[in-house]
Amino acid sequence: MSHILIAEDEPRIATFLEKGLRSNGFTTTAVSSGLEALDLTQNHSFDLLILDLGLPEKDGLEVLEELRGQGQTFPIIILTARDDIHDKVAGLEGGADDYVTKPFRFEELLARVRVRLRRMPAINGEEQSILRAGTISLNLRTRQVTVGDTILELPAREFTMAEAFLRHPGQVLSREQLLDQVWGYSYDPGSNIVDVYVGYLRKKLGSNLIETVRGMGYRLRA
C-alpha cells in the first residue's frame, strides 16, 4: 500500500485529502508545516508527497529544493492556491512532478497521484488496478467497466462513484462520503445529486447492485 505524505496547513483541506486517499486504498500522514515535512522524510519512507506552497516555518518551494538537494526521488505534487505562472515554473523546474491549483477536484488529483505512482518501479503492483464485485469489474487504468460479457463506458463521475462502491463492498457509504469522493469538498451537501447518480448506476450496472440503507446511505451488495 502506497504511503502518501500531505504537507498542508489548512486543516479542512488536509482532512479532506486524508479521507479521500484512505478511502482509495492509500496510507496517509499529514503535517502542517514545512519543517515537519522535512523532518518526517528524514526518518520515514514515503511514496509520494502532496505539497502546499504556503506552509509556515518553511515555504513549500524551500521544502522542494531541500528534498531534491538531498537526493529524494519520490514524486512530489504541488497543491496550492498560487496560480501565477512564475510559481508554476519555479515549482516544476525545482523538481516537482506535477502542479495542481486550488480549488481542485479530488478525482483529478487522485488520477494525478495514480499516474505518478504508476511510473515508480516496485510500487505499481501494490495498488489494485482492477476492482471486482460479482459479475462487475472496473479497470482503473483503461477506465472500462465490464458487466458479465458487456463492456460499458461510464461518464467520469459515474465511474468514480462505481469505484467508490467497489472499493468498499458490503460497507455503507454515506451521502457525504460519496460527495467528498466524487465531487470534492466544495460541493453543496444539501444537493440530491448522489441519489441521482446512484440511480444512473443502478440502471447501467444492475438494479439490485446498490441497496439503500435507510437514514445512512448506500451499500454495494458484497
Protein backbone atom coordinates (compact mmCIF):
# COMPACT_ATOMS: atom_id res chain seq x y z
CA MET A 1 0.00 0.00 0.00
CA SER A 2 1.45 3.35 -1.03
CA HIS A 3 2.16 5.84 1.74
CA ILE A 4 1.47 9.48 0.93
CA LEU A 5 2.73 12.44 2.93
CA ILE A 6 0.47 15.50 2.89
CA ALA A 7 2.04 18.86 3.77
CA GLU A 8 -0.93 21.19 4.11
CA ASP A 9 -1.57 23.86 6.76
CA GLU A 10 -5.30 24.22 6.11
CA PRO A 11 -6.92 21.59 8.39
CA ARG A 12 -10.10 21.26 6.33
CA ILE A 13 -8.22 20.50 3.15
CA ALA A 14 -5.77 18.17 4.91
CA THR A 15 -8.65 16.19 6.40
CA PHE A 16 -10.42 16.07 3.07
CA LEU A 17 -7.29 14.76 1.35
CA GLU A 18 -6.66 12.13 4.00
CA LYS A 19 -10.24 10.86 3.89
CA GLY A 20 -10.27 10.67 0.12
CA LEU A 21 -6.89 8.99 -0.24
CA ARG A 22 -7.51 6.48 2.54
CA SER A 23 -10.85 5.51 1.05
CA ASN A 24 -8.97 4.76 -2.15
CA GLY A 25 -6.53 2.39 -0.51
CA PHE A 26 -3.64 4.66 0.40
CA THR A 27 -1.94 5.21 3.74
CA THR A 28 -1.52 8.87 4.64
CA THR A 29 0.35 11.09 7.06
CA ALA A 30 -0.45 14.79 7.28
CA VAL A 31 1.74 17.60 8.58
CA SER A 32 1.04 21.33 8.74
CA SER A 33 4.48 22.90 8.31
CA GLY A 34 7.45 22.70 6.02
CA LEU A 35 9.82 21.76 8.82
CA GLU A 36 7.62 18.85 9.87
CA ALA A 37 7.57 17.60 6.30
CA LEU A 38 11.36 17.72 6.09
CA ASP A 39 11.80 16.06 9.47
CA LEU A 40 9.48 13.19 8.61
CA THR A 41 11.13 12.46 5.29
CA GLN A 42 14.47 12.00 7.06
CA ASN A 43 13.29 9.05 9.11
CA HIS A 44 10.32 7.62 7.23
CA SER A 45 9.77 6.30 3.74
CA PHE A 46 7.05 7.86 1.62
CA ASP A 47 5.93 7.03 -1.90
CA LEU A 48 4.62 10.49 -2.79
CA LEU A 49 4.32 13.97 -1.31
CA ILE A 50 1.41 16.37 -1.81
CA LEU A 51 2.97 19.73 -1.04
CA ASP A 52 1.31 23.07 -0.35
CA LEU A 53 3.48 26.09 -1.09
CA GLY A 54 2.18 28.47 1.58
CA LEU A 55 3.44 26.49 4.55
CA PRO A 56 4.54 28.06 7.84
CA GLU A 57 8.14 27.87 9.07
CA LYS A 58 9.45 26.84 5.68
CA ASP A 59 7.87 27.60 2.32
CA GLY A 60 6.90 24.71 0.06
CA LEU A 61 9.41 25.73 -2.61
CA GLU A 62 12.17 25.63 0.02
CA VAL A 63 11.00 22.18 1.11
CA LEU A 64 11.07 21.05 -2.51
CA GLU A 65 14.57 22.40 -3.03
CA GLU A 66 15.91 20.72 0.11
CA LEU A 67 14.32 17.36 -0.67
CA ARG A 68 15.67 17.25 -4.20
CA GLY A 69 19.02 18.51 -2.96
CA GLN A 70 19.14 15.57 -0.57
CA GLY A 71 18.53 13.19 -3.45
CA GLN A 72 14.94 12.33 -2.55
CA THR A 73 13.33 10.95 -5.70
CA PHE A 74 9.73 10.19 -4.69
CA PRO A 75 7.08 12.05 -6.72
CA ILE A 76 6.01 15.45 -5.45
CA ILE A 77 2.73 17.05 -6.45
CA ILE A 78 2.36 20.71 -5.57
CA LEU A 79 -1.18 21.59 -4.47
CA THR A 80 -1.52 25.31 -3.98
CA ALA A 81 -3.69 28.39 -4.42
CA ARG A 82 -0.81 30.12 -6.21
CA ASP A 83 -1.73 30.15 -9.87
CA ASP A 84 0.92 32.59 -11.06
CA ILE A 85 2.96 31.26 -13.97
CA HIS A 86 6.21 32.14 -12.20
CA ASP A 87 5.29 29.91 -9.23
CA LYS A 88 4.35 27.08 -11.59
CA VAL A 89 7.64 27.34 -13.45
CA ALA A 90 9.61 27.58 -10.20
CA GLY A 91 7.84 24.51 -8.82
CA LEU A 92 8.26 22.32 -11.88
CA GLU A 93 11.82 23.41 -12.53
CA GLY A 94 12.58 22.95 -8.85
CA GLY A 95 11.78 19.26 -9.12
CA ALA A 96 8.04 18.87 -8.64
CA ASP A 97 6.41 16.24 -10.82
CA ASP A 98 3.07 17.98 -11.10
CA TYR A 99 1.36 21.23 -10.15
CA VAL A 100 -2.33 21.45 -9.20
CA THR A 101 -4.06 24.70 -8.28
CA LYS A 102 -6.86 25.19 -5.74
CA PRO A 103 -9.79 24.91 -5.88
CA PHE A 104 -9.44 21.41 -7.24
CA ARG A 105 -11.49 18.30 -7.86
CA PHE A 106 -10.44 15.31 -5.81
CA GLU A 107 -10.96 12.88 -8.66
CA GLU A 108 -8.48 14.81 -10.80
CA LEU A 109 -5.90 14.92 -8.02
CA LEU A 110 -6.40 11.20 -7.40
CA ALA A 111 -5.80 10.49 -11.08
CA ARG A 112 -2.60 12.51 -10.98
CA VAL A 113 -1.43 10.66 -7.85
CA ARG A 114 -2.02 7.32 -9.54
CA VAL A 115 -0.20 8.39 -12.67
CA ARG A 116 2.85 9.38 -10.65
CA LEU A 117 2.83 6.18 -8.63
CA ARG A 118 2.42 4.03 -11.74
CA ARG A 119 5.67 5.43 -13.06
CA MET A 120 7.55 4.28 -9.99
CA PRO A 121 9.18 0.85 -10.18
CA ALA A 122 8.34 -1.71 -7.49
CA ILE A 123 5.27 0.17 -6.34
CA ASN A 124 2.87 -0.39 -9.19
CA GLY A 125 1.93 -3.90 -8.24
CA GLU A 126 0.77 -2.82 -4.83
CA GLU A 127 -2.14 -0.73 -5.93
CA GLN A 128 -5.01 -2.75 -7.26
CA SER A 129 -5.82 -1.83 -10.84
CA ILE A 130 -8.93 -3.99 -11.33
CA LEU A 131 -11.80 -3.99 -8.84
CA ARG A 132 -14.41 -6.76 -8.90
CA ALA A 133 -17.77 -7.42 -7.29
CA GLY A 134 -19.95 -10.25 -8.55
CA THR A 135 -20.15 -10.01 -12.35
CA ILE A 136 -18.86 -6.43 -12.41
CA SER A 137 -15.26 -5.34 -12.82
CA LEU A 138 -13.67 -1.90 -13.11
CA ASN A 139 -10.33 -1.43 -14.79
CA LEU A 140 -8.81 1.67 -13.21
CA ARG A 141 -6.22 2.02 -15.95
CA THR A 142 -8.40 1.69 -19.04
CA ARG A 143 -11.44 3.21 -17.24
CA GLN A 144 -13.62 0.43 -18.65
CA VAL A 145 -16.44 -1.28 -16.78
CA THR A 146 -17.43 -4.85 -17.54
CA VAL A 147 -20.79 -6.32 -16.56
CA GLY A 148 -20.78 -10.01 -17.42
CA ASP A 149 -19.60 -10.05 -21.04
CA THR A 150 -20.65 -6.47 -21.74
CA ILE A 151 -18.16 -3.60 -21.70
CA LEU A 152 -19.57 -0.23 -20.70
CA GLU A 153 -18.19 3.26 -20.94
CA LEU A 154 -19.27 5.32 -17.94
CA PRO A 155 -19.01 9.11 -17.70
CA ALA A 156 -16.25 10.22 -15.33
CA ARG A 157 -18.38 10.87 -12.26
CA GLU A 158 -20.35 7.65 -12.63
CA PHE A 159 -17.09 5.74 -12.94
CA THR A 160 -15.68 7.41 -9.83
CA MET A 161 -18.82 6.62 -7.86
CA ALA A 162 -18.74 3.00 -9.05
CA GLU A 163 -15.10 2.84 -7.99
CA ALA A 164 -16.00 4.12 -4.53
CA PHE A 165 -18.57 1.35 -4.12
CA LEU A 166 -16.33 -1.42 -5.44
CA ARG A 167 -13.53 -0.39 -3.10
CA HIS A 168 -15.89 -0.90 -0.17
CA PRO A 169 -18.15 -3.87 -0.97
CA GLY A 170 -20.66 -4.53 1.78
CA GLN A 171 -19.83 -1.25 3.51
CA VAL A 172 -22.33 1.56 3.96
CA LEU A 173 -21.19 4.79 2.32
CA SER A 174 -22.93 7.95 3.44
CA ARG A 175 -24.05 10.63 1.00
CA GLU A 176 -21.38 12.90 2.50
CA GLN A 177 -18.66 10.33 1.82
CA LEU A 178 -19.80 9.91 -1.76
CA LEU A 179 -19.98 13.68 -2.26
CA ASP A 180 -16.43 14.04 -0.96
CA GLN A 181 -15.04 11.28 -3.14
CA VAL A 182 -16.87 12.08 -6.36
CA TRP A 183 -17.48 15.82 -6.39
CA GLY A 184 -14.99 17.27 -3.95
CA TYR A 185 -15.12 19.19 -0.73
CA SER A 186 -16.68 22.33 -2.20
CA TYR A 187 -19.91 20.69 -3.39
CA ASP A 188 -23.24 21.60 -1.77
CA PRO A 189 -24.01 18.92 0.86
CA GLY A 190 -27.73 19.65 0.54
CA SER A 191 -27.84 18.52 -3.06
CA ASN A 192 -29.60 15.29 -4.09
CA ILE A 193 -27.01 14.63 -6.78
CA VAL A 194 -25.74 11.49 -5.03
CA ASP A 195 -29.20 9.90 -5.22
CA VAL A 196 -29.45 10.85 -8.90
CA TYR A 197 -26.12 9.21 -9.76
CA VAL A 198 -26.89 6.09 -7.74
CA GLY A 199 -29.97 5.84 -9.94
CA TYR A 200 -27.79 6.08 -13.06
CA LEU A 201 -25.53 3.27 -11.80
CA ARG A 202 -28.46 1.04 -10.97
CA LYS A 203 -29.80 1.39 -14.49
CA LYS A 204 -26.44 0.58 -16.08
CA LEU A 205 -24.93 -1.96 -13.69
CA GLY A 206 -28.00 -3.69 -12.30
CA SER A 207 -30.97 -2.60 -10.23
CA ASN A 208 -30.08 -4.85 -7.28
CA LEU A 209 -26.40 -3.97 -7.09
CA ILE A 210 -26.62 -0.96 -4.77
CA GLU A 211 -29.05 -1.06 -1.89
CA THR A 212 -30.38 1.87 0.08
CA VAL A 213 -29.67 1.77 3.81
CA ARG A 214 -32.36 3.99 5.24
CA GLY A 215 -31.03 7.00 7.13
CA MET A 216 -27.41 6.05 6.48
CA GLY A 217 -26.56 5.89 2.80
CA TYR A 218 -25.90 3.21 0.21
CA ARG A 219 -24.19 -0.18 0.21
CA LEU A 220 -22.82 -2.34 -2.58
CA ARG A 221 -24.08 -5.88 -2.14
CA ALA A 222 -20.97 -7.99 -1.46
